[in-house]
């Protein structure tokens, strides 16, 4: 089929299968694709509503067009979609140091701020991490210290034309949810937060269709993180089935908080929050990271219950293992400057 056939199919309200979706995005990455074709397809897809097969296929296509990285077993990412406009501090980035200290191989895929004041790349730069590392450096770092940051624009050199169309459209498209699924590494599992509750199910199905396991979640207050402000809605993606459940802070022994308790700001402000947490400061920010650490450890099969994960997270902070992992990443990443 040609691209116009995919456009007609989507425009008529029919879903593409996974392979068709991959072929469609491969064309969009090519020099032949016009901005009109790309924009028309994205608008038709948005009007119809994206199926999980389309999400999985387009994510696979993005991976195929990204920088090629070698296969390393057991890799994990805790990148979320962003876009929740909550103004929270960098929860998942802070959590990545706990997870790496806990034995999870974290290949964190991320970008600079889009809808917030501080994206993961902004925070890491503020902390002193070199985010512009060569392909060889990325592969070496993850194997040497068990954590690396993949700066999305460096991973997708062919994405510029599509990015221009996204900006001109000025509305959310399927690309708002593809980023966390498009990590150039072949991931084994993920903790993937989404900014809308209705996205949990299709993203979980897409994750499974891509051969991965993990947890997809959405927190009340539209957070793309596990939240202590209300319920967190989970899809636990196993090899055979997907289990859906919701959990409250009280069930895990946490006090319910408000969004104001975890508000962030500019990168320097968020840097201090992260350092305070890793240095043992208690409060709502620490508790939120502990909850997300437990979710990540469970998603990576490092613990069997959330309660066990919370206890493990406390130990990783209080022993300074998580702080040491951050310092290790800062030091080692600068070797590739």
Protein backbone atom coordinates (compact mmCIF):
# COMPACT_ATOMS: atom_id res chain seq x y z
CA UNK A 1 0.00 0.00 0.00
CA UNK A 2 1.06 3.58 -0.63
CA UNK A 3 0.89 6.35 1.96
CA UNK A 4 -2.24 7.82 0.35
CA UNK A 5 -3.98 4.47 0.98
CA UNK A 6 -3.13 4.65 4.68
CA UNK A 7 -4.40 8.24 4.77
CA UNK A 8 -7.67 7.25 3.08
CA UNK A 9 -8.13 4.29 5.41
CA UNK A 10 -7.66 6.41 8.53
CA UNK A 11 -9.81 9.24 7.12
CA UNK A 12 -12.66 6.76 6.60
CA UNK A 13 -12.54 5.84 10.29
CA UNK A 14 -10.76 2.49 9.93
CA UNK A 15 -7.76 1.46 12.05
CA UNK A 16 -4.39 0.55 10.58
CA UNK A 17 -2.84 -2.67 11.78
CA UNK A 18 0.55 -2.60 13.48
CA UNK A 19 2.57 -3.23 10.31
CA UNK A 20 0.62 -0.64 8.30
CA UNK A 21 1.16 1.96 11.02
CA UNK A 22 4.89 1.24 10.99
CA UNK A 23 5.04 1.60 7.20
CA UNK A 24 3.09 4.87 7.41
CA UNK A 25 5.51 6.47 9.86
CA UNK A 26 8.51 5.15 7.91
CA UNK A 27 7.21 7.13 4.94
CA UNK A 28 6.72 10.21 7.15
CA UNK A 29 10.40 9.98 8.10
CA UNK A 30 11.46 9.81 4.44
CA UNK A 31 12.54 12.74 2.26
CA UNK A 32 9.53 12.09 0.00
CA UNK A 33 6.92 13.02 2.62
CA UNK A 34 5.47 16.53 2.38
CA UNK A 35 4.38 18.55 5.38
CA UNK A 36 0.84 18.47 3.98
CA UNK A 37 0.81 14.67 3.91
CA UNK A 38 2.19 14.42 7.44
CA UNK A 39 -0.25 16.99 8.82
CA UNK A 40 -3.23 15.43 7.06
CA UNK A 41 -2.40 11.98 8.42
CA UNK A 42 -1.90 13.20 11.99
CA UNK A 43 -5.19 15.13 11.93
CA UNK A 44 -7.09 12.17 10.46
CA UNK A 45 -5.61 9.87 13.09
CA UNK A 46 -6.53 12.27 15.89
CA UNK A 47 -10.09 12.65 14.59
CA UNK A 48 -10.54 8.87 14.39
CA UNK A 49 -8.77 8.12 17.65
CA UNK A 50 -5.51 6.16 17.81
CA UNK A 51 -5.74 2.38 18.30
CA UNK A 52 -3.18 0.47 20.35
CA UNK A 53 -1.90 -1.23 17.18
CA UNK A 54 -1.32 2.15 15.54
CA UNK A 55 0.52 3.36 18.65
CA UNK A 56 2.69 0.22 18.77
CA UNK A 57 3.43 0.25 15.03
CA UNK A 58 4.34 3.92 14.92
CA UNK A 59 6.53 3.56 18.02
CA UNK A 60 8.37 0.68 16.35
CA UNK A 61 8.80 2.83 13.24
CA UNK A 62 10.26 5.64 15.34
CA UNK A 63 12.73 3.19 16.85
CA UNK A 64 13.75 1.96 13.40
CA UNK A 65 14.49 5.53 12.31
CA UNK A 66 16.43 6.42 15.46
CA UNK A 67 20.15 6.10 16.15
CA UNK A 68 20.96 2.37 16.27
CA UNK A 69 22.11 1.12 19.67
CA UNK A 70 23.33 -2.38 20.43
CA UNK A 71 21.11 -4.86 22.26
CA UNK A 72 21.76 -4.98 26.00
CA UNK A 73 19.70 -7.33 28.15
CA UNK A 74 17.36 -6.21 30.91
CA UNK A 75 16.99 -2.52 30.07
CA UNK A 76 14.27 -0.40 31.69
CA UNK A 77 12.88 3.12 31.19
CA UNK A 78 10.66 5.19 33.48
CA UNK A 79 9.98 8.00 31.03
CA UNK A 80 6.40 9.32 30.99
CA UNK A 81 4.45 11.21 28.36
CA UNK A 82 4.68 14.53 30.17
CA UNK A 83 2.01 17.02 29.19
CA UNK A 84 0.13 16.76 32.48
CA UNK A 85 0.64 20.51 33.16
CA UNK A 86 0.68 19.75 36.88
CA UNK A 87 3.80 21.78 37.62
CA UNK A 88 5.20 18.97 39.77
CA UNK A 89 8.94 18.57 40.35
CA UNK A 90 10.90 16.03 38.30
CA UNK A 91 9.57 12.90 39.99
CA UNK A 92 10.57 10.23 37.47
CA UNK A 93 14.06 11.65 36.93
CA UNK A 94 14.71 11.70 40.68
CA UNK A 95 13.29 8.18 40.89
CA UNK A 96 15.68 6.95 38.20
CA UNK A 97 18.61 7.26 40.63
CA UNK A 98 16.83 5.10 43.22
CA UNK A 99 15.98 2.49 40.59
CA UNK A 100 19.52 2.37 39.23
CA UNK A 101 20.91 2.09 42.76
CA UNK A 102 18.45 -0.77 43.29
CA UNK A 103 19.91 -2.79 40.43
CA UNK A 104 17.62 -1.71 37.59
CA UNK A 105 19.42 -0.88 34.31
CA UNK A 106 17.85 2.51 33.59
CA UNK A 107 18.05 3.83 30.01
CA UNK A 108 16.12 7.05 30.59
CA UNK A 109 14.76 8.63 27.44
CA UNK A 110 13.78 12.29 27.76
CA UNK A 111 13.76 15.84 26.52
CA UNK A 112 13.84 19.45 27.57
CA UNK A 113 10.73 21.12 28.96
CA UNK A 114 7.71 21.27 26.67
CA UNK A 115 4.73 21.92 28.96
CA UNK A 116 6.54 22.45 32.27
CA UNK A 117 9.33 24.69 33.55
CA UNK A 118 11.84 21.84 33.84
CA UNK A 119 12.05 18.71 31.71
CA UNK A 120 14.30 15.77 32.55
CA UNK A 121 17.10 17.12 30.34
CA UNK A 122 16.88 20.53 32.04
CA UNK A 123 17.14 19.01 35.52
CA UNK A 124 20.03 16.71 34.61
CA UNK A 125 21.96 19.56 33.00
CA UNK A 126 21.41 21.62 36.15
CA UNK A 127 22.74 18.74 38.25
CA UNK A 128 25.90 18.59 36.14
CA UNK A 129 25.12 15.57 33.95
CA UNK A 130 26.39 15.70 30.37
CA UNK A 131 23.34 14.84 28.23
CA UNK A 132 25.11 15.12 24.86
CA UNK A 133 26.91 11.79 24.76
CA UNK A 134 27.97 9.83 21.68
CA UNK A 135 26.33 6.56 20.70
CA UNK A 136 29.39 4.66 21.92
CA UNK A 137 29.37 6.60 25.18
CA UNK A 138 25.72 5.77 25.81
CA UNK A 139 26.39 2.06 25.31
CA UNK A 140 29.46 2.16 27.55
CA UNK A 141 27.76 4.11 30.35
CA UNK A 142 24.71 1.86 30.72
CA UNK A 143 26.95 -1.20 30.95
CA UNK A 144 29.44 0.45 33.30
CA UNK A 145 27.18 2.20 35.83
CA UNK A 146 23.66 0.92 35.09
CA UNK A 147 22.13 4.28 34.15
CA UNK A 148 22.28 6.60 31.15
CA UNK A 149 20.24 9.47 29.74
CA UNK A 150 19.20 9.45 26.10
CA UNK A 151 18.47 13.01 24.94
CA UNK A 152 15.59 12.52 22.50
CA UNK A 153 16.60 15.11 19.85
CA UNK A 154 20.03 13.46 19.56
CA UNK A 155 18.39 10.06 19.13
CA UNK A 156 16.02 11.14 16.34
CA UNK A 157 18.02 13.11 13.73
CA UNK A 158 15.34 12.46 11.06
CA UNK A 159 12.54 13.93 13.18
CA UNK A 160 12.98 17.59 12.23
CA UNK A 161 10.42 17.64 9.40
CA UNK A 162 7.76 15.95 11.52
CA UNK A 163 8.55 18.34 14.40
CA UNK A 164 7.87 21.33 12.14
CA UNK A 165 4.45 19.90 11.30
CA UNK A 166 3.65 19.21 14.96
CA UNK A 167 4.48 22.80 15.85
CA UNK A 168 2.39 24.22 13.00
CA UNK A 169 -0.63 22.09 13.99
CA UNK A 170 -0.41 23.32 17.57
CA UNK A 171 -2.56 20.51 18.96
CA UNK A 172 -1.77 17.19 20.67
CA UNK A 173 -1.18 14.31 18.24
CA UNK A 174 -0.16 10.67 18.53
CA UNK A 175 3.44 11.87 18.99
CA UNK A 176 2.49 13.12 22.46
CA UNK A 177 2.31 9.48 23.59
CA UNK A 178 4.90 7.85 21.33
CA UNK A 179 8.02 9.25 23.02
CA UNK A 180 8.17 6.84 25.99
CA UNK A 181 7.65 3.87 23.66
CA UNK A 182 10.30 5.00 21.17
CA UNK A 183 13.43 4.50 23.27
CA UNK A 184 16.16 3.51 20.77
CA UNK A 185 17.29 0.71 23.08
CA UNK A 186 15.38 -2.57 22.98
CA UNK A 187 13.72 -2.34 26.39
CA UNK A 188 12.60 -5.27 28.47
CA UNK A 189 10.25 -3.37 30.79
CA UNK A 190 8.93 0.09 31.59
CA UNK A 191 7.19 2.27 34.14
CA UNK A 192 5.23 4.55 31.85
CA UNK A 193 3.06 7.40 33.11
CA UNK A 194 0.39 8.95 30.87
CA UNK A 195 -1.32 12.31 31.28
CA UNK A 196 -4.89 11.04 30.75
CA UNK A 197 -6.63 8.13 32.41
CA UNK A 198 -8.21 6.98 29.13
CA UNK A 199 -4.72 6.41 27.69
CA UNK A 200 -3.77 3.77 30.26
CA UNK A 201 -5.49 0.88 28.47
CA UNK A 202 -4.32 1.53 24.86
CA UNK A 203 -0.75 2.30 25.94
CA UNK A 204 -0.67 -0.87 28.06
CA UNK A 205 -1.88 -2.89 25.07
CA UNK A 206 0.72 -1.21 22.85
CA UNK A 207 3.44 -2.03 25.38
CA UNK A 208 2.40 -5.69 25.32
CA UNK A 209 2.19 -5.70 21.51
CA UNK A 210 5.80 -4.50 21.42
CA UNK A 211 6.87 -7.47 23.56
CA UNK A 212 7.52 -5.54 26.76
CA UNK A 213 6.28 -5.87 30.33
CA UNK A 214 5.84 -3.24 33.01
CA UNK A 215 3.33 -0.81 34.46
CA UNK A 216 1.37 1.93 32.71
CA UNK A 217 -0.26 4.44 35.05
CA UNK A 218 -2.11 7.69 35.50
CA UNK A 219 -2.53 9.55 38.75
CA UNK A 220 -5.45 11.70 39.81
CA UNK A 221 -4.86 15.42 39.13
CA UNK A 222 -3.85 14.26 35.60
CA UNK A 223 -0.36 13.34 36.82
CA UNK A 224 1.73 11.07 34.60
CA UNK A 225 3.22 9.66 37.81
CA UNK A 226 2.11 7.58 40.75
CA UNK A 227 0.36 10.14 42.96
CA UNK A 228 -0.38 10.59 46.65
CA UNK A 229 -3.02 13.26 45.90
CA UNK A 230 -5.63 10.61 45.14
CA UNK A 231 -5.94 7.34 43.26
CA UNK A 232 -3.33 5.97 40.90
CA UNK A 233 -4.75 3.90 38.06
CA UNK A 234 -2.49 1.03 37.00
CA UNK A 235 -2.21 -1.41 34.13
CA UNK A 236 0.22 -4.15 35.13
CA UNK A 237 1.48 -5.62 31.85
CA UNK A 238 2.67 -9.21 32.11
CA UNK A 239 3.82 -11.55 29.38
CA UNK A 240 0.43 -13.25 29.21
CA UNK A 241 -2.12 -10.74 30.48
CA UNK A 242 -2.80 -7.18 31.61
CA UNK A 243 -4.23 -6.53 35.08
CA UNK A 244 -6.01 -3.26 35.84
CA UNK A 245 -6.31 -1.83 39.34
CA UNK A 246 -6.38 1.44 41.28
CA UNK A 247 -4.56 2.19 44.52
CA UNK A 248 -4.85 4.94 47.13
CA UNK A 249 -2.07 6.47 49.28
CA UNK A 250 -3.70 5.16 52.45
CA UNK A 251 -3.47 1.55 51.25
CA UNK A 252 0.32 1.90 51.31
CA UNK A 253 0.56 3.78 54.58
CA UNK A 254 1.08 7.23 53.05
CA UNK A 255 -0.73 10.42 54.00
CA UNK A 256 -2.80 12.00 51.24
CA UNK A 257 -1.22 15.22 49.98
CA UNK A 258 -2.18 18.10 47.68
CA UNK A 259 -0.60 19.06 44.37
CA UNK A 260 0.85 22.15 46.06
CA UNK A 261 3.00 19.86 48.21
CA UNK A 262 4.94 18.59 45.18
CA UNK A 263 5.08 21.69 42.99
CA UNK A 264 8.34 22.30 41.20
CA UNK A 265 9.72 25.26 39.31
CA UNK A 266 12.74 26.20 37.24
CA UNK A 267 15.57 23.64 36.86
CA UNK A 268 17.63 25.11 39.73
CA UNK A 269 14.61 24.90 42.06
CA UNK A 270 13.90 21.30 41.05
CA UNK A 271 17.59 20.47 41.41
CA UNK A 272 17.40 21.42 45.08
CA UNK A 273 14.29 19.27 45.59
CA UNK A 274 16.07 16.27 44.04
CA UNK A 275 19.20 16.80 46.13
CA UNK A 276 17.12 17.25 49.30
CA UNK A 277 15.33 13.94 48.65
CA UNK A 278 18.55 12.06 47.89
CA UNK A 279 20.13 13.53 51.03
CA UNK A 280 17.30 12.17 53.17
CA UNK A 281 14.90 15.11 53.62
CA UNK A 282 11.46 13.79 54.55
CA UNK A 283 8.07 15.01 53.38
CA UNK A 284 5.61 14.80 50.51
CA UNK A 285 8.24 14.93 47.76
CA UNK A 286 10.22 12.04 49.27
CA UNK A 287 7.05 9.99 49.81
CA UNK A 288 5.98 10.55 46.20
CA UNK A 289 9.37 9.35 44.95
CA UNK A 290 9.21 6.33 47.28
CA UNK A 291 5.82 5.36 45.82
CA UNK A 292 7.14 5.68 42.28
CA UNK A 293 10.30 3.79 43.21
CA UNK A 294 8.14 0.92 44.45
CA UNK A 295 6.17 0.98 41.19
CA UNK A 296 9.41 0.94 39.18
CA UNK A 297 10.97 -1.88 41.17
CA UNK A 298 7.76 -3.89 40.75
CA UNK A 299 7.65 -3.16 37.01
CA UNK A 300 11.27 -4.30 36.69
CA UNK A 301 10.59 -7.46 38.72
CA UNK A 302 13.02 -6.45 41.48
CA UNK A 303 10.35 -6.76 44.22
CA UNK A 304 7.14 -8.76 44.52
CA UNK A 305 4.98 -6.16 46.32
CA UNK A 306 4.70 -2.37 46.48
CA UNK A 307 5.25 -2.50 50.24
CA UNK A 308 8.57 -4.27 49.70
CA UNK A 309 9.46 -1.67 47.08
CA UNK A 310 8.76 1.23 49.45
CA UNK A 311 11.00 -0.29 52.11
CA UNK A 312 13.71 -0.84 49.51
CA UNK A 313 13.39 2.77 48.35
CA UNK A 314 13.85 4.07 51.89
CA UNK A 315 17.03 2.03 52.24
CA UNK A 316 18.37 3.30 48.90
CA UNK A 317 17.90 6.91 50.03
CA UNK A 318 18.99 6.55 53.65
CA UNK A 319 22.15 4.62 52.74
CA UNK A 320 23.02 7.35 50.18
CA UNK A 321 23.17 4.69 47.44
CA UNK A 322 20.80 6.73 45.25
CA UNK A 323 22.82 9.92 45.80
CA UNK A 324 26.00 8.02 44.98
CA UNK A 325 24.41 6.82 41.74
CA UNK A 326 23.65 10.42 40.73
CA UNK A 327 27.23 11.46 41.52
CA UNK A 328 28.52 8.51 39.53
CA UNK A 329 26.44 9.55 36.51
CA UNK A 330 27.66 13.16 36.78
CA UNK A 331 31.30 12.09 36.96
CA UNK A 332 31.21 9.39 34.29
CA UNK A 333 29.10 11.40 31.81
CA UNK A 334 31.63 14.24 31.89
CA UNK A 335 34.24 11.82 30.54
CA UNK A 336 32.38 12.07 27.21
CA UNK A 337 32.21 15.89 27.14
